[in-house]
Amino acid sequence: MRSRWTLFNVMGIPVRADVSVLVLALYVVVTTFPHLDVGLFLTAALLVSIVLHELAHSAVAVAFGGQVRDITLQLLGGCAAITRMPPRPSHEVLMAAAGPVCSLALAALCGVLSEAFPTRYVVGTLGPYELTESAPNLWLSLAAGLNLGLALFNLVPAFPMDGGRILRAALQCLGKGKVAATAIAVAVGRGIAVLWAAVCVLDFVGVRFRAPTEWPEAGQLLFNIVFGSGGILLLLIAYMIWVSGKRELEYVRYEETFNGGWR
């Protein structure tokens, strides 16, 4: 059964959608219920932001001699399938950092625009006149918070996030072999996975995580998406980190044994 569909091509790179991305969309919509408009907007903004994030990785990878097969949108985000990595650890740092930098730039742009185009609310009347207050544009604030969260999430030092690759490449630049650097990055990632799984257990036994009420509405909505529904999303991410780290280490050991790797 077909599970992926090609949506469009950018820079000669096919952008595909895996069927599991529908689960992500459904999760966001359900978590923001009954605000269907907010759920649909966040889903669309998230997918666009992920595509731009992965295109930033791809552009830098190609600039340093890498090859990108495709970009796939899936349950836990996006993945640029880089079939040939840039040849130097310093190049990998730049390639991995390009995604979060792109997301931070989008967050800053949306934040500035949210102030430039505020939303006005009617708070009362004075005779024939309406009294209004202005606040940062909700939609642009949501887009800004979403991209900020995407950048910070990807900087977590764990595979398959960008932070794991940055940590490994930085260790290589300091003299560690690729296998040893990968093993350290995987160990750090597994520690983070255990902590996030513990958050889910605490939520299950009744310790609830809620956004502070003084946070702006956009921040509270995004916080509840991550920590809502019993922490299911965090549990999936923790599992993904554990499995991806194991696979990455196995691949690097294979590469080192049969093909020769960075030392």
C-alpha atoms as a PDB file:
ATOM      1  CA  MET A   1       0.000   0.000   0.000  1.00  0.00           C
ATOM      2  CA  ARG A   2       1.312   3.418  -0.924  1.00  0.00           C
ATOM      3  CA  SER A   3       2.260   5.430   2.156  1.00  0.00           C
ATOM      4  CA  ARG A   4       3.982   8.520   0.693  1.00  0.00           C
ATOM      5  CA  TRP A   5       2.914  11.111  -1.844  1.00  0.00           C
ATOM      6  CA  THR A   6       5.031  13.704  -3.660  1.00  0.00           C
ATOM      7  CA  LEU A   7       3.624  17.198  -3.080  1.00  0.00           C
ATOM      8  CA  PHE A   8       6.042  19.375  -5.079  1.00  0.00           C
ATOM      9  CA  ASN A   9       9.725  19.897  -5.923  1.00  0.00           C
ATOM     10  CA  VAL A  10      12.019  22.651  -4.655  1.00  0.00           C
ATOM     11  CA  MET A  11      15.627  23.067  -5.859  1.00  0.00           C
ATOM     12  CA  GLY A  12      15.200  19.705  -7.597  1.00  0.00           C
ATOM     13  CA  ILE A  13      14.349  18.045  -4.256  1.00  0.00           C
ATOM     14  CA  PRO A  14      10.998  16.207  -4.022  1.00  0.00           C
ATOM     15  CA  VAL A  15       8.942  17.152  -0.958  1.00  0.00           C
ATOM     16  CA  ARG A  16       6.804  14.197   0.108  1.00  0.00           C
ATOM     17  CA  ALA A  17       4.122  13.597   2.733  1.00  0.00           C
ATOM     18  CA  ASP A  18       4.002  10.342   4.663  1.00  0.00           C
ATOM     19  CA  VAL A  19       0.554   9.086   5.663  1.00  0.00           C
ATOM     20  CA  SER A  20       1.592   9.434   9.322  1.00  0.00           C
ATOM     21  CA  VAL A  21       1.549  13.239   8.953  1.00  0.00           C
ATOM     22  CA  LEU A  22      -2.244  12.956   9.062  1.00  0.00           C
ATOM     23  CA  VAL A  23      -1.905  11.706  12.643  1.00  0.00           C
ATOM     24  CA  LEU A  24       0.140  14.804  13.491  1.00  0.00           C
ATOM     25  CA  ALA A  25      -2.523  17.053  11.941  1.00  0.00           C
ATOM     26  CA  LEU A  26      -5.286  15.235  13.824  1.00  0.00           C
ATOM     27  CA  TYR A  27      -3.360  15.513  17.107  1.00  0.00           C
ATOM     28  CA  VAL A  28      -2.958  19.286  16.734  1.00  0.00           C
ATOM     29  CA  VAL A  29      -6.628  19.779  15.816  1.00  0.00           C
ATOM     30  CA  VAL A  30      -7.871  17.605  18.705  1.00  0.00           C
ATOM     31  CA  THR A  31      -5.541  19.282  21.219  1.00  0.00           C
ATOM     32  CA  THR A  32      -6.804  22.753  20.274  1.00  0.00           C
ATOM     33  CA  PHE A  33     -10.493  21.729  20.180  1.00  0.00           C
ATOM     34  CA  PRO A  34     -12.981  23.447  20.113  1.00  0.00           C
ATOM     35  CA  HIS A  35     -10.930  26.131  18.351  1.00  0.00           C
ATOM     36  CA  LEU A  36     -10.976  24.432  14.942  1.00  0.00           C
ATOM     37  CA  ASP A  37      -9.664  27.510  13.145  1.00  0.00           C
ATOM     38  CA  VAL A  38      -6.629  27.634  15.445  1.00  0.00           C
ATOM     39  CA  GLY A  39      -5.967  23.917  14.982  1.00  0.00           C
ATOM     40  CA  LEU A  40      -6.103  24.105  11.204  1.00  0.00           C
ATOM     41  CA  PHE A  41      -3.921  27.228  11.114  1.00  0.00           C
ATOM     42  CA  LEU A  42      -1.305  25.648  13.406  1.00  0.00           C
ATOM     43  CA  THR A  43      -1.258  22.480  11.317  1.00  0.00           C
ATOM     44  CA  ALA A  44      -0.685  24.424   8.095  1.00  0.00           C
ATOM     45  CA  ALA A  45       1.887  26.753   9.700  1.00  0.00           C
ATOM     46  CA  LEU A  46       3.742  23.794  11.229  1.00  0.00           C
ATOM     47  CA  LEU A  47       4.012  21.934   7.920  1.00  0.00           C
ATOM     48  CA  VAL A  48       5.199  25.040   6.047  1.00  0.00           C
ATOM     49  CA  SER A  49       7.725  25.792   8.793  1.00  0.00           C
ATOM     50  CA  ILE A  50       9.060  22.221   8.724  1.00  0.00           C
ATOM     51  CA  VAL A  51       9.494  22.323   4.946  1.00  0.00           C
ATOM     52  CA  LEU A  52      11.456  25.597   5.151  1.00  0.00           C
ATOM     53  CA  HIS A  53      13.523  24.190   8.056  1.00  0.00           C
ATOM     54  CA  GLU A  54      14.454  21.087   6.044  1.00  0.00           C
ATOM     55  CA  LEU A  55      15.143  23.103   2.890  1.00  0.00           C
ATOM     56  CA  ALA A  56      17.675  25.160   4.870  1.00  0.00           C
ATOM     57  CA  HIS A  57      19.478  21.926   5.829  1.00  0.00           C
ATOM     58  CA  SER A  58      19.349  20.722   2.246  1.00  0.00           C
ATOM     59  CA  ALA A  59      20.689  23.949   0.733  1.00  0.00           C
ATOM     60  CA  VAL A  60      23.727  23.965   3.020  1.00  0.00           C
ATOM     61  CA  ALA A  61      24.326  20.224   2.506  1.00  0.00           C
ATOM     62  CA  VAL A  62      24.323  20.649  -1.287  1.00  0.00           C
ATOM     63  CA  ALA A  63      26.593  23.712  -1.026  1.00  0.00           C
ATOM     64  CA  PHE A  64      29.190  21.575   0.784  1.00  0.00           C
ATOM     65  CA  GLY A  65      29.023  18.672  -1.654  1.00  0.00           C
ATOM     66  CA  GLY A  66      26.230  16.627  -0.073  1.00  0.00           C
ATOM     67  CA  GLN A  67      23.335  15.002  -1.880  1.00  0.00           C
ATOM     68  CA  VAL A  68      19.673  15.168  -0.831  1.00  0.00           C
ATOM     69  CA  ARG A  69      17.261  12.494  -2.067  1.00  0.00           C
ATOM     70  CA  ASP A  70      14.038  14.006  -0.749  1.00  0.00           C
ATOM     71  CA  ILE A  71      12.264  15.719   2.154  1.00  0.00           C
ATOM     72  CA  THR A  72       9.472  13.836   3.916  1.00  0.00           C
ATOM     73  CA  LEU A  73       6.813  15.247   6.223  1.00  0.00           C
ATOM     74  CA  GLN A  74       5.870  12.655   8.848  1.00  0.00           C
ATOM     75  CA  LEU A  75       4.351  12.100  12.287  1.00  0.00           C
ATOM     76  CA  LEU A  76       7.139  13.659  14.339  1.00  0.00           C
ATOM     77  CA  GLY A  77       8.186  16.421  11.962  1.00  0.00           C
ATOM     78  CA  GLY A  78      10.255  16.315   8.807  1.00  0.00           C
ATOM     79  CA  CYS A  79      13.304  14.520   7.499  1.00  0.00           C
ATOM     80  CA  ALA A  80      15.718  15.501   4.744  1.00  0.00           C
ATOM     81  CA  ALA A  81      17.174  12.255   3.381  1.00  0.00           C
ATOM     82  CA  ILE A  82      20.813  13.225   2.834  1.00  0.00           C
ATOM     83  CA  THR A  83      22.391  10.343   0.942  1.00  0.00           C
ATOM     84  CA  ARG A  84      25.879  11.853   0.967  1.00  0.00           C
ATOM     85  CA  MET A  85      26.920  13.927   3.964  1.00  0.00           C
ATOM     86  CA  PRO A  86      29.294  16.922   3.704  1.00  0.00           C
ATOM     87  CA  PRO A  87      32.880  15.645   4.006  1.00  0.00           C
ATOM     88  CA  ARG A  88      33.998  17.576   7.123  1.00  0.00           C
ATOM     89  CA  PRO A  89      32.655  17.761  10.690  1.00  0.00           C
ATOM     90  CA  SER A  90      32.684  21.575  10.491  1.00  0.00           C
ATOM     91  CA  HIS A  91      30.426  21.333   7.435  1.00  0.00           C
ATOM     92  CA  GLU A  92      28.043  19.073   9.337  1.00  0.00           C
ATOM     93  CA  VAL A  93      27.815  21.671  12.129  1.00  0.00           C
ATOM     94  CA  LEU A  94      26.810  24.344   9.618  1.00  0.00           C
ATOM     95  CA  MET A  95      24.378  22.019   7.855  1.00  0.00           C
ATOM     96  CA  ALA A  96      22.700  20.955  11.112  1.00  0.00           C
ATOM     97  CA  ALA A  97      22.564  24.535  12.429  1.00  0.00           C
ATOM     98  CA  ALA A  98      20.963  25.864   9.236  1.00  0.00           C
ATOM     99  CA  GLY A  99      17.525  24.482  10.142  1.00  0.00           C
ATOM    100  CA  PRO A 100      17.259  26.068  13.610  1.00  0.00           C
ATOM    101  CA  VAL A 101      18.693  29.346  12.264  1.00  0.00           C
ATOM    102  CA  CYS A 102      15.976  29.385   9.579  1.00  0.00           C
ATOM    103  CA  SER A 103      13.282  28.701  12.210  1.00  0.00           C
ATOM    104  CA  LEU A 104      14.641  31.454  14.469  1.00  0.00           C
ATOM    105  CA  ALA A 105      14.613  33.891  11.559  1.00  0.00           C
ATOM    106  CA  LEU A 106      10.988  32.986  10.786  1.00  0.00           C
ATOM    107  CA  ALA A 107      10.081  33.406  14.464  1.00  0.00           C
ATOM    108  CA  ALA A 108      11.672  36.862  14.541  1.00  0.00           C
ATOM    109  CA  LEU A 109       9.940  37.903  11.306  1.00  0.00           C
ATOM    110  CA  CYS A 110       6.514  36.725  12.503  1.00  0.00           C
ATOM    111  CA  GLY A 111       7.087  38.392  15.877  1.00  0.00           C
ATOM    112  CA  VAL A 112       7.858  41.744  14.267  1.00  0.00           C
ATOM    113  CA  LEU A 113       4.860  41.445  11.944  1.00  0.00           C
ATOM    114  CA  SER A 114       2.567  40.548  14.854  1.00  0.00           C
ATOM    115  CA  GLU A 115       3.428  43.900  16.442  1.00  0.00           C
ATOM    116  CA  ALA A 116       3.176  45.777  13.159  1.00  0.00           C
ATOM    117  CA  PHE A 117      -0.290  44.372  12.399  1.00  0.00           C
ATOM    118  CA  PRO A 118      -1.975  44.082  15.818  1.00  0.00           C
ATOM    119  CA  THR A 119      -5.434  42.687  16.479  1.00  0.00           C
ATOM    120  CA  ARG A 120      -7.945  45.163  17.878  1.00  0.00           C
ATOM    121  CA  TYR A 121     -10.602  44.081  20.389  1.00  0.00           C
ATOM    122  CA  VAL A 122     -13.776  45.967  21.348  1.00  0.00           C
ATOM    123  CA  VAL A 123     -13.815  46.243  25.156  1.00  0.00           C
ATOM    124  CA  GLY A 124     -16.821  48.548  25.591  1.00  0.00           C
ATOM    125  CA  THR A 125     -18.641  51.581  24.313  1.00  0.00           C
ATOM    126  CA  LEU A 126     -18.726  55.276  25.191  1.00  0.00           C
ATOM    127  CA  GLY A 127     -21.862  56.780  23.720  1.00  0.00           C
ATOM    128  CA  PRO A 128     -21.726  56.152  19.976  1.00  0.00           C
ATOM    129  CA  TYR A 129     -18.027  55.215  20.121  1.00  0.00           C
ATOM    130  CA  GLU A 130     -16.442  51.786  20.582  1.00  0.00           C
ATOM    131  CA  LEU A 131     -13.555  51.432  23.006  1.00  0.00           C
ATOM    132  CA  THR A 132     -10.864  49.163  21.665  1.00  0.00           C
ATOM    133  CA  GLU A 133      -7.597  47.651  22.835  1.00  0.00           C
ATOM    134  CA  SER A 134      -4.843  46.310  20.629  1.00  0.00           C
ATOM    135  CA  ALA A 135      -2.745  43.201  21.136  1.00  0.00           C
ATOM    136  CA  PRO A 136      -0.136  41.428  19.013  1.00  0.00           C
ATOM    137  CA  ASN A 137      -1.751  39.646  16.081  1.00  0.00           C
ATOM    138  CA  LEU A 138      -2.776  36.202  17.373  1.00  0.00           C
ATOM    139  CA  TRP A 139      -2.099  34.323  14.150  1.00  0.00           C
ATOM    140  CA  LEU A 140       1.340  35.818  13.617  1.00  0.00           C
ATOM    141  CA  SER A 141       2.139  35.316  17.323  1.00  0.00           C
ATOM    142  CA  LEU A 142       1.223  31.646  16.967  1.00  0.00           C
ATOM    143  CA  ALA A 143       3.472  31.338  13.912  1.00  0.00           C
ATOM    144  CA  ALA A 144       6.308  33.069  15.798  1.00  0.00           C
ATOM    145  CA  GLY A 145       5.934  30.811  18.839  1.00  0.00           C
ATOM    146  CA  LEU A 146       5.693  27.738  16.629  1.00  0.00           C
ATOM    147  CA  ASN A 147       8.957  28.506  14.836  1.00  0.00           C
ATOM    148  CA  LEU A 148      10.717  29.414  18.084  1.00  0.00           C
ATOM    149  CA  GLY A 149       9.605  26.094  19.547  1.00  0.00           C
ATOM    150  CA  LEU A 150      10.731  24.265  16.399  1.00  0.00           C
ATOM    151  CA  ALA A 151      14.188  25.849  16.626  1.00  0.00           C
ATOM    152  CA  LEU A 152      14.633  25.112  20.343  1.00  0.00           C
ATOM    153  CA  PHE A 153      13.325  21.557  19.972  1.00  0.00           C
ATOM    154  CA  ASN A 154      15.770  20.817  17.171  1.00  0.00           C
ATOM    155  CA  LEU A 155      18.687  22.173  19.220  1.00  0.00           C
ATOM    156  CA  VAL A 156      18.131  19.464  21.856  1.00  0.00           C
ATOM    157  CA  PRO A 157      21.413  17.449  21.805  1.00  0.00           C
ATOM    158  CA  ALA A 158      19.869  14.130  20.788  1.00  0.00           C
ATOM    159  CA  PHE A 159      19.486  12.214  17.531  1.00  0.00           C
ATOM    160  CA  PRO A 160      17.630  12.585  15.213  1.00  0.00           C
ATOM    161  CA  MET A 161      17.367  16.289  16.118  1.00  0.00           C
ATOM    162  CA  ASP A 162      19.875  18.783  14.773  1.00  0.00           C
ATOM    163  CA  GLY A 163      21.384  19.260  18.227  1.00  0.00           C
ATOM    164  CA  GLY A 164      22.593  15.657  18.211  1.00  0.00           C
ATOM    165  CA  ARG A 165      24.448  16.207  14.946  1.00  0.00           C
ATOM    166  CA  ILE A 166      25.872  19.507  16.142  1.00  0.00           C
ATOM    167  CA  LEU A 167      27.117  17.861  19.350  1.00  0.00           C
ATOM    168  CA  ARG A 168      28.728  14.980  17.459  1.00  0.00           C
ATOM    169  CA  ALA A 169      30.404  17.223  14.892  1.00  0.00           C
ATOM    170  CA  ALA A 170      31.652  19.567  17.639  1.00  0.00           C
ATOM    171  CA  LEU A 171      33.187  16.604  19.480  1.00  0.00           C
ATOM    172  CA  GLN A 172      34.862  15.533  16.240  1.00  0.00           C
ATOM    173  CA  CYS A 173      36.274  19.025  15.774  1.00  0.00           C
ATOM    174  CA  LEU A 174      37.757  18.651  19.273  1.00  0.00           C
ATOM    175  CA  GLY A 175      39.536  15.443  18.244  1.00  0.00           C
ATOM    176  CA  LYS A 176      37.075  12.646  18.976  1.00  0.00           C
ATOM    177  CA  GLY A 177      36.611   9.895  16.405  1.00  0.00           C
ATOM    178  CA  LYS A 178      33.237   9.680  14.705  1.00  0.00           C
ATOM    179  CA  VAL A 179      32.201   6.503  16.514  1.00  0.00           C
ATOM    180  CA  ALA A 180      33.217   7.850  19.930  1.00  0.00           C
ATOM    181  CA  ALA A 181      31.566  11.212  19.261  1.00  0.00           C
ATOM    182  CA  THR A 182      28.368   9.488  18.129  1.00  0.00           C
ATOM    183  CA  ALA A 183      28.360   7.248  21.230  1.00  0.00           C
ATOM    184  CA  ILE A 184      28.598  10.311  23.510  1.00  0.00           C
ATOM    185  CA  ALA A 185      25.818  12.135  21.629  1.00  0.00           C
ATOM    186  CA  VAL A 186      23.609   9.037  21.791  1.00  0.00           C
ATOM    187  CA  ALA A 187      24.211   8.687  25.541  1.00  0.00           C
ATOM    188  CA  VAL A 188      23.245  12.334  26.094  1.00  0.00           C
ATOM    189  CA  GLY A 189      20.139  11.845  23.963  1.00  0.00           C
ATOM    190  CA  ARG A 190      19.086   8.755  25.883  1.00  0.00           C
ATOM    191  CA  GLY A 191      19.368  10.677  29.132  1.00  0.00           C
ATOM    192  CA  ILE A 192      17.020  13.310  27.716  1.00  0.00           C
ATOM    193  CA  ALA A 193      14.648  10.580  26.489  1.00  0.00           C
ATOM    194  CA  VAL A 194      14.472   9.121  30.003  1.00  0.00           C
ATOM    195  CA  LEU A 195      13.700  12.555  31.480  1.00  0.00           C
ATOM    196  CA  TRP A 196      10.909  13.164  28.976  1.00  0.00           C
ATOM    197  CA  ALA A 197       9.474   9.699  29.585  1.00  0.00           C
ATOM    198  CA  ALA A 198       9.510  10.522  33.314  1.00  0.00           C
ATOM    199  CA  VAL A 199       7.426  13.632  32.575  1.00  0.00           C
ATOM    200  CA  CYS A 200       4.829  11.367  30.950  1.00  0.00           C
ATOM    201  CA  VAL A 201       4.820   9.052  33.984  1.00  0.00           C
ATOM    202  CA  LEU A 202       4.330  12.029  36.319  1.00  0.00           C
ATOM    203  CA  ASP A 203       1.431  13.213  34.194  1.00  0.00           C
ATOM    204  CA  PHE A 204      -0.076   9.713  34.323  1.00  0.00           C
ATOM    205  CA  VAL A 205       0.023   9.646  38.143  1.00  0.00           C
ATOM    206  CA  GLY A 206      -1.617  13.053  38.379  1.00  0.00           C
ATOM    207  CA  VAL A 207       1.179  15.644  38.234  1.00  0.00           C
ATOM    208  CA  ARG A 208      -0.158  18.017  35.586  1.00  0.00           C
ATOM    209  CA  PHE A 209       1.970  20.418  33.560  1.00  0.00           C
ATOM    210  CA  ARG A 210       0.199  23.627  32.594  1.00  0.00           C
ATOM    211  CA  ALA A 211       1.412  26.844  31.010  1.00  0.00           C
ATOM    212  CA  PRO A 212       1.651  29.793  33.440  1.00  0.00           C
ATOM    213  CA  THR A 213      -1.466  31.950  33.196  1.00  0.00           C
ATOM    214  CA  GLU A 214       0.628  35.091  32.708  1.00  0.00           C
ATOM    215  CA  TRP A 215       1.944  33.722  29.408  1.00  0.00           C
ATOM    216  CA  PRO A 216       0.366  35.139  26.224  1.00  0.00           C
ATOM    217  CA  GLU A 217      -2.473  33.127  24.716  1.00  0.00           C
ATOM    218  CA  ALA A 218      -0.313  31.857  21.858  1.00  0.00           C
ATOM    219  CA  GLY A 219       2.307  30.517  24.284  1.00  0.00           C
ATOM    220  CA  GLN A 220      -0.301  28.716  26.369  1.00  0.00           C
ATOM    221  CA  LEU A 221      -1.818  27.066  23.302  1.00  0.00           C
ATOM    222  CA  LEU A 222       1.544  25.790  22.068  1.00  0.00           C
ATOM    223  CA  PHE A 223       2.523  24.592  25.558  1.00  0.00           C
ATOM    224  CA  ASN A 224      -0.694  22.601  25.863  1.00  0.00           C
ATOM    225  CA  ILE A 225      -0.112  20.954  22.485  1.00  0.00           C
ATOM    226  CA  VAL A 226       3.209  19.550  23.730  1.00  0.00           C
ATOM    227  CA  PHE A 227       2.155  18.630  27.258  1.00  0.00           C
ATOM    228  CA  GLY A 228      -1.532  17.937  26.624  1.00  0.00           C
ATOM    229  CA  SER A 229      -3.220  14.565  26.088  1.00  0.00           C
ATOM    230  CA  GLY A 230      -1.306  12.928  28.908  1.00  0.00           C
ATOM    231  CA  GLY A 231       2.107  13.767  27.450  1.00  0.00           C
ATOM    232  CA  ILE A 232       1.594  11.324  24.551  1.00  0.00           C
ATOM    233  CA  LEU A 233       3.605  13.521  22.164  1.00  0.00           C
ATOM    234  CA  LEU A 234       6.568  13.675  24.549  1.00  0.00           C
ATOM    235  CA  LEU A 235       6.434   9.902  25.010  1.00  0.00           C
ATOM    236  CA  LEU A 236       6.553   9.392  21.234  1.00  0.00           C
ATOM    237  CA  ILE A 237       9.492  11.786  20.974  1.00  0.00           C
ATOM    238  CA  ALA A 238      11.328  10.005  23.804  1.00  0.00           C
ATOM    239  CA  TYR A 239      10.852   6.684  22.001  1.00  0.00           C
ATOM    240  CA  MET A 240      12.007   8.230  18.718  1.00  0.00           C
ATOM    241  CA  ILE A 241      15.180   9.552  20.385  1.00  0.00           C
ATOM    242  CA  TRP A 242      15.995   6.159  21.910  1.00  0.00           C
ATOM    243  CA  VAL A 243      15.486   4.217  18.677  1.00  0.00           C
ATOM    244  CA  SER A 244      17.115   6.794  16.385  1.00  0.00           C
ATOM    245  CA  GLY A 245      20.203   7.026  18.579  1.00  0.00           C
ATOM    246  CA  LYS A 246      20.643   3.249  18.463  1.00  0.00           C
ATOM    247  CA  ARG A 247      20.291   3.194  14.682  1.00  0.00           C
ATOM    248  CA  GLU A 248      22.692   6.110  14.200  1.00  0.00           C
ATOM    249  CA  LEU A 249      25.382   4.441  16.311  1.00  0.00           C
ATOM    250  CA  GLU A 250      24.965   1.128  14.476  1.00  0.00           C
ATOM    251  CA  TYR A 251      25.227   2.886  11.112  1.00  0.00           C
ATOM    252  CA  VAL A 252      28.354   4.825  12.078  1.00  0.00           C
ATOM    253  CA  ARG A 253      30.018   1.646  13.383  1.00  0.00           C
ATOM    254  CA  TYR A 254      29.184  -0.101  10.101  1.00  0.00           C
ATOM    255  CA  GLU A 255      30.522   2.875   8.119  1.00  0.00           C
ATOM    256  CA  GLU A 256      33.711   2.916  10.173  1.00  0.00           C
ATOM    257  CA  THR A 257      34.274  -0.822   9.705  1.00  0.00           C
ATOM    258  CA  PHE A 258      33.550  -1.218   6.007  1.00  0.00           C
ATOM    259  CA  ASN A 259      33.972   2.201   4.395  1.00  0.00           C
ATOM    260  CA  GLY A 260      36.371   4.068   6.638  1.00  0.00           C
ATOM    261  CA  GLY A 261      35.101   7.117   8.480  1.00  0.00           C
ATOM    262  CA  TRP A 262      36.376  10.363   9.951  1.00  0.00           C
ATOM    263  CA  ARG A 263      38.966   9.862  12.655  1.00  0.00           C
END
